[in-house]
């Protein structure tokens, strides 16, 4: 099995990076742990590429505390994870080549 990755966006650290993920799917607990939250929301970006964010990130002026980032004209609060969804709706990591493509071509600003 080749290495699998997610793209992690961390506005507090001002970082956008690919992170190796050694499982075939990302479960809810994986998302909670990676995003440091207890409620997540999926945002479809392009085709089967999804962004997972903290669902409560925009509440209670959290942007001042946990930071925000932009993808194109859209703003999100807190950490974000870019992953894929498969044919049955499971959240899955991506190949290294696709993670590099996301890093090189998506207009992500922290």
N, C-alpha and C. Protein backbone atom coordinates (compact mmCIF):
# COMPACT_ATOMS: atom_id res chain seq x y z
N UNK A 1 0.84 -1.18 0.00
CA UNK A 1 0.00 0.00 0.00
C UNK A 1 0.88 1.24 0.00
N UNK A 2 0.59 2.18 -0.87
CA UNK A 2 1.38 3.41 -0.92
C UNK A 2 0.97 4.33 0.22
N UNK A 3 1.80 5.31 0.49
CA UNK A 3 1.53 6.25 1.56
C UNK A 3 0.31 7.09 1.22
N UNK A 4 -0.48 7.39 2.25
CA UNK A 4 -1.69 8.19 2.09
C UNK A 4 -1.57 9.45 2.94
N UNK A 5 -2.24 10.52 2.49
CA UNK A 5 -2.07 11.82 3.13
C UNK A 5 -3.38 12.57 3.23
N UNK A 6 -3.43 13.52 4.16
CA UNK A 6 -4.45 14.55 4.21
C UNK A 6 -3.70 15.88 4.17
N UNK A 7 -4.39 16.94 3.80
CA UNK A 7 -3.79 18.27 3.85
C UNK A 7 -4.38 18.96 5.07
N UNK A 8 -3.50 19.38 5.96
CA UNK A 8 -3.91 20.03 7.20
C UNK A 8 -3.66 21.53 7.11
N UNK A 9 -4.68 22.30 7.46
CA UNK A 9 -4.58 23.76 7.49
C UNK A 9 -4.72 24.18 8.94
N UNK A 10 -3.71 24.85 9.49
CA UNK A 10 -3.73 25.27 10.88
C UNK A 10 -3.48 26.77 10.95
N UNK A 11 -4.55 27.56 11.12
CA UNK A 11 -4.38 29.01 11.11
C UNK A 11 -3.61 29.56 12.32
N UNK A 12 -3.65 28.86 13.45
CA UNK A 12 -2.88 29.34 14.60
C UNK A 12 -1.38 29.21 14.34
N UNK A 13 -1.00 28.11 13.70
CA UNK A 13 0.41 27.88 13.38
C UNK A 13 0.81 28.53 12.05
N UNK A 14 -0.19 29.04 11.32
CA UNK A 14 0.03 29.62 9.99
C UNK A 14 0.68 28.59 9.06
N UNK A 15 0.14 27.34 9.11
CA UNK A 15 0.73 26.28 8.31
C UNK A 15 -0.30 25.59 7.42
N UNK A 16 0.17 25.16 6.27
CA UNK A 16 -0.59 24.33 5.35
C UNK A 16 0.37 23.22 4.95
N UNK A 17 0.04 21.97 5.29
CA UNK A 17 0.99 20.90 5.02
C UNK A 17 0.27 19.59 4.78
N UNK A 18 0.96 18.70 4.10
CA UNK A 18 0.44 17.34 3.95
C UNK A 18 0.92 16.53 5.14
N UNK A 19 0.00 15.71 5.64
CA UNK A 19 0.28 14.89 6.81
C UNK A 19 0.00 13.45 6.44
N UNK A 20 0.95 12.57 6.71
CA UNK A 20 0.75 11.16 6.38
C UNK A 20 -0.31 10.56 7.28
N UNK A 21 -1.19 9.76 6.68
CA UNK A 21 -2.28 9.11 7.41
C UNK A 21 -2.24 7.64 7.04
N UNK A 22 -2.04 6.77 8.00
CA UNK A 22 -1.77 5.36 7.72
C UNK A 22 -2.98 4.45 7.77
N UNK A 23 -4.17 4.98 7.66
CA UNK A 23 -5.38 4.17 7.61
C UNK A 23 -6.06 4.40 6.27
N UNK A 24 -6.93 3.47 5.88
CA UNK A 24 -7.65 3.60 4.61
C UNK A 24 -8.80 4.59 4.67
N UNK A 25 -9.36 4.79 5.87
CA UNK A 25 -10.46 5.73 6.03
C UNK A 25 -10.22 6.59 7.26
N UNK A 26 -10.88 7.73 7.31
CA UNK A 26 -10.83 8.61 8.48
C UNK A 26 -12.20 8.54 9.14
N UNK A 27 -12.23 8.08 10.37
CA UNK A 27 -13.48 8.02 11.11
C UNK A 27 -13.74 9.32 11.84
N UNK A 28 -14.89 9.41 12.44
CA UNK A 28 -15.29 10.60 13.17
C UNK A 28 -14.29 10.94 14.28
N UNK A 29 -13.81 9.94 15.00
CA UNK A 29 -12.84 10.20 16.08
C UNK A 29 -11.53 10.75 15.52
N UNK A 30 -11.12 10.29 14.33
CA UNK A 30 -9.92 10.83 13.69
C UNK A 30 -10.10 12.31 13.38
N UNK A 31 -11.28 12.65 12.86
CA UNK A 31 -11.56 14.05 12.52
C UNK A 31 -11.58 14.92 13.77
N UNK A 32 -12.25 14.45 14.82
CA UNK A 32 -12.29 15.20 16.08
C UNK A 32 -10.87 15.45 16.60
N UNK A 33 -10.06 14.42 16.61
CA UNK A 33 -8.70 14.54 17.14
C UNK A 33 -7.85 15.48 16.28
N UNK A 34 -7.95 15.35 14.97
CA UNK A 34 -7.14 16.18 14.07
C UNK A 34 -7.54 17.64 14.11
N UNK A 35 -8.85 17.90 14.25
CA UNK A 35 -9.35 19.28 14.23
C UNK A 35 -9.50 19.88 15.62
N UNK A 36 -9.26 19.06 16.66
CA UNK A 36 -9.36 19.53 18.04
C UNK A 36 -10.73 20.13 18.33
N UNK A 37 -11.78 19.34 18.03
CA UNK A 37 -13.15 19.82 18.24
C UNK A 37 -14.06 18.62 18.51
N UNK A 38 -15.35 18.91 18.75
CA UNK A 38 -16.30 17.84 19.04
C UNK A 38 -17.47 17.79 18.04
N UNK A 39 -17.50 18.71 17.09
CA UNK A 39 -18.52 18.70 16.04
C UNK A 39 -17.83 19.10 14.73
N UNK A 40 -18.02 18.30 13.69
CA UNK A 40 -17.37 18.59 12.41
C UNK A 40 -18.41 18.81 11.32
N UNK A 41 -17.97 19.49 10.28
CA UNK A 41 -18.82 19.76 9.12
C UNK A 41 -18.01 19.52 7.86
N UNK A 42 -18.65 18.90 6.87
CA UNK A 42 -17.98 18.65 5.59
C UNK A 42 -18.40 19.73 4.60
N UNK A 43 -17.41 20.26 3.91
CA UNK A 43 -17.65 21.23 2.85
C UNK A 43 -17.08 20.64 1.57
N UNK A 44 -17.92 20.43 0.57
CA UNK A 44 -17.45 19.92 -0.71
C UNK A 44 -16.66 21.01 -1.43
N UNK A 45 -15.45 20.70 -1.85
CA UNK A 45 -14.63 21.68 -2.55
C UNK A 45 -14.71 21.49 -4.06
N UNK A 46 -14.17 20.38 -4.55
CA UNK A 46 -14.14 20.09 -5.98
C UNK A 46 -14.30 18.59 -6.17
N UNK A 47 -15.32 18.18 -6.88
CA UNK A 47 -15.51 16.76 -7.14
C UNK A 47 -15.58 15.97 -5.85
N UNK A 48 -14.67 15.02 -5.67
CA UNK A 48 -14.67 14.20 -4.46
C UNK A 48 -13.69 14.71 -3.40
N UNK A 49 -13.21 15.95 -3.55
CA UNK A 49 -12.31 16.56 -2.58
C UNK A 49 -13.14 17.36 -1.58
N UNK A 50 -12.98 17.03 -0.30
CA UNK A 50 -13.76 17.65 0.77
C UNK A 50 -12.86 18.36 1.76
N UNK A 51 -13.42 19.37 2.40
CA UNK A 51 -12.78 20.06 3.51
C UNK A 51 -13.60 19.75 4.76
N UNK A 52 -12.94 19.29 5.81
CA UNK A 52 -13.59 19.06 7.10
C UNK A 52 -13.15 20.18 8.04
N UNK A 53 -14.13 20.79 8.72
CA UNK A 53 -13.84 21.90 9.63
C UNK A 53 -14.62 21.71 10.93
N UNK A 54 -14.27 22.52 11.93
CA UNK A 54 -14.98 22.57 13.20
C UNK A 54 -16.33 23.24 12.94
N UNK A 55 -17.42 22.51 13.17
CA UNK A 55 -18.76 23.04 12.89
C UNK A 55 -19.09 24.26 13.75
N UNK A 56 -18.51 24.35 14.93
CA UNK A 56 -18.78 25.47 15.82
C UNK A 56 -17.74 26.57 15.72
N UNK A 57 -16.85 26.48 14.76
CA UNK A 57 -15.75 27.42 14.66
C UNK A 57 -16.15 28.87 14.52
N UNK A 58 -17.27 29.15 13.88
CA UNK A 58 -17.69 30.54 13.67
C UNK A 58 -18.46 31.11 14.85
N UNK A 59 -18.74 30.31 15.88
CA UNK A 59 -19.53 30.78 17.01
C UNK A 59 -18.67 31.47 18.06
N UNK A 60 -19.27 32.36 18.80
CA UNK A 60 -18.64 32.97 19.98
C UNK A 60 -17.31 33.65 19.70
N UNK A 61 -17.19 34.31 18.57
CA UNK A 61 -15.95 35.02 18.21
C UNK A 61 -14.72 34.12 18.28
N UNK A 62 -14.90 32.87 17.94
CA UNK A 62 -13.80 31.90 18.02
C UNK A 62 -12.65 32.25 17.08
N UNK A 63 -12.93 32.99 16.00
CA UNK A 63 -11.86 33.30 15.05
C UNK A 63 -10.72 34.05 15.71
N UNK A 64 -11.02 34.85 16.74
CA UNK A 64 -9.97 35.57 17.46
C UNK A 64 -9.08 34.60 18.24
N UNK A 65 -9.67 33.50 18.70
CA UNK A 65 -8.96 32.55 19.54
C UNK A 65 -8.28 31.44 18.74
N UNK A 66 -8.97 30.92 17.72
CA UNK A 66 -8.43 29.76 17.00
C UNK A 66 -8.01 30.06 15.57
N UNK A 67 -8.18 31.29 15.13
CA UNK A 67 -7.71 31.69 13.81
C UNK A 67 -8.67 31.30 12.69
N UNK A 68 -8.36 31.79 11.51
CA UNK A 68 -9.19 31.50 10.35
C UNK A 68 -8.29 31.37 9.12
N UNK A 69 -8.86 30.79 8.06
CA UNK A 69 -8.15 30.67 6.79
C UNK A 69 -9.15 30.84 5.67
N UNK A 70 -8.64 31.11 4.49
CA UNK A 70 -9.46 31.28 3.30
C UNK A 70 -9.07 30.24 2.25
N UNK A 71 -10.09 29.76 1.56
CA UNK A 71 -9.87 28.99 0.34
C UNK A 71 -10.66 29.74 -0.72
N UNK A 72 -9.92 30.39 -1.62
CA UNK A 72 -10.57 31.26 -2.59
C UNK A 72 -11.30 32.36 -1.86
N UNK A 73 -12.57 32.56 -2.17
CA UNK A 73 -13.35 33.65 -1.57
C UNK A 73 -14.05 33.23 -0.28
N UNK A 74 -13.88 31.99 0.17
CA UNK A 74 -14.58 31.48 1.34
C UNK A 74 -13.67 31.47 2.56
N UNK A 75 -14.22 31.87 3.71
CA UNK A 75 -13.46 31.92 4.96
C UNK A 75 -13.97 30.85 5.92
N UNK A 76 -13.02 30.21 6.60
CA UNK A 76 -13.32 29.16 7.57
C UNK A 76 -12.56 29.44 8.86
N UNK A 77 -13.14 29.04 10.00
CA UNK A 77 -12.54 29.29 11.30
C UNK A 77 -12.03 27.98 11.88
N UNK A 78 -10.84 28.03 12.47
CA UNK A 78 -10.24 26.85 13.09
C UNK A 78 -9.45 26.04 12.08
N UNK A 79 -9.01 24.87 12.51
CA UNK A 79 -8.25 23.97 11.64
C UNK A 79 -9.13 23.39 10.55
N UNK A 80 -8.50 22.98 9.45
CA UNK A 80 -9.20 22.30 8.38
C UNK A 80 -8.41 21.11 7.89
N UNK A 81 -9.12 20.10 7.40
CA UNK A 81 -8.49 18.92 6.80
C UNK A 81 -9.08 18.70 5.43
N UNK A 82 -8.24 18.60 4.43
CA UNK A 82 -8.70 18.30 3.09
C UNK A 82 -8.44 16.82 2.83
N UNK A 83 -9.51 16.11 2.48
CA UNK A 83 -9.50 14.67 2.27
C UNK A 83 -10.33 14.37 1.02
N UNK A 84 -10.55 13.10 0.77
CA UNK A 84 -11.42 12.66 -0.32
C UNK A 84 -12.64 11.95 0.24
N UNK A 85 -13.65 11.81 -0.59
CA UNK A 85 -14.75 10.91 -0.25
C UNK A 85 -14.84 9.88 -1.36
N UNK A 86 -15.10 8.64 -0.96
CA UNK A 86 -15.16 7.57 -1.95
C UNK A 86 -16.59 7.39 -2.47
N UNK A 87 -16.79 6.36 -3.27
CA UNK A 87 -18.09 6.12 -3.93
C UNK A 87 -19.24 5.89 -2.95
N UNK A 88 -18.94 5.44 -1.74
CA UNK A 88 -20.00 5.19 -0.77
C UNK A 88 -20.05 6.24 0.33
N UNK A 89 -19.31 7.34 0.15
CA UNK A 89 -19.36 8.46 1.08
C UNK A 89 -18.41 8.39 2.25
N UNK A 90 -17.52 7.40 2.28
CA UNK A 90 -16.52 7.32 3.34
C UNK A 90 -15.46 8.40 3.12
N UNK A 91 -14.94 8.95 4.21
CA UNK A 91 -13.85 9.92 4.13
C UNK A 91 -12.55 9.15 4.08
N UNK A 92 -11.73 9.44 3.07
CA UNK A 92 -10.49 8.69 2.86
C UNK A 92 -9.34 9.68 2.61
N UNK A 93 -8.11 9.25 2.95
CA UNK A 93 -6.95 10.08 2.62
C UNK A 93 -6.66 10.01 1.12
N UNK A 94 -5.73 10.84 0.68
CA UNK A 94 -5.41 10.92 -0.74
C UNK A 94 -3.97 10.48 -1.00
N UNK A 95 -3.66 10.27 -2.27
CA UNK A 95 -2.29 9.94 -2.65
C UNK A 95 -1.40 11.16 -2.41
N UNK A 96 -0.12 10.91 -2.33
CA UNK A 96 0.83 12.01 -2.15
C UNK A 96 0.77 12.97 -3.34
N UNK A 97 0.59 12.42 -4.54
CA UNK A 97 0.52 13.27 -5.74
C UNK A 97 -0.68 14.22 -5.68
N UNK A 98 -1.82 13.72 -5.23
CA UNK A 98 -2.99 14.58 -5.12
C UNK A 98 -2.82 15.61 -4.00
N UNK A 99 -2.22 15.21 -2.89
CA UNK A 99 -1.96 16.16 -1.80
C UNK A 99 -1.03 17.28 -2.29
N UNK A 100 0.00 16.93 -3.06
CA UNK A 100 0.90 17.94 -3.63
C UNK A 100 0.14 18.86 -4.59
N UNK A 101 -0.77 18.30 -5.37
CA UNK A 101 -1.58 19.10 -6.29
C UNK A 101 -2.44 20.11 -5.51
N UNK A 102 -3.06 19.65 -4.44
CA UNK A 102 -3.88 20.55 -3.60
C UNK A 102 -3.01 21.67 -3.06
N UNK A 103 -1.84 21.33 -2.53
CA UNK A 103 -0.94 22.35 -1.98
C UNK A 103 -0.50 23.35 -3.03
N UNK A 104 -0.26 22.88 -4.23
CA UNK A 104 0.27 23.74 -5.29
C UNK A 104 -0.80 24.56 -6.02
N UNK A 105 -2.06 24.09 -6.02
CA UNK A 105 -3.05 24.69 -6.90
C UNK A 105 -4.28 25.29 -6.21
N UNK A 106 -4.55 24.93 -4.98
CA UNK A 106 -5.71 25.51 -4.29
C UNK A 106 -5.28 26.84 -3.68
N UNK A 107 -6.10 27.84 -3.78
CA UNK A 107 -5.79 29.16 -3.26
C UNK A 107 -6.12 29.19 -1.76
N UNK A 108 -5.21 28.63 -0.95
CA UNK A 108 -5.39 28.56 0.51
C UNK A 108 -4.52 29.63 1.15
N UNK A 109 -5.13 30.44 1.99
CA UNK A 109 -4.38 31.50 2.68
C UNK A 109 -4.66 31.43 4.18
N UNK A 110 -3.56 31.42 4.98
CA UNK A 110 -3.72 31.43 6.44
C UNK A 110 -3.17 32.72 6.99
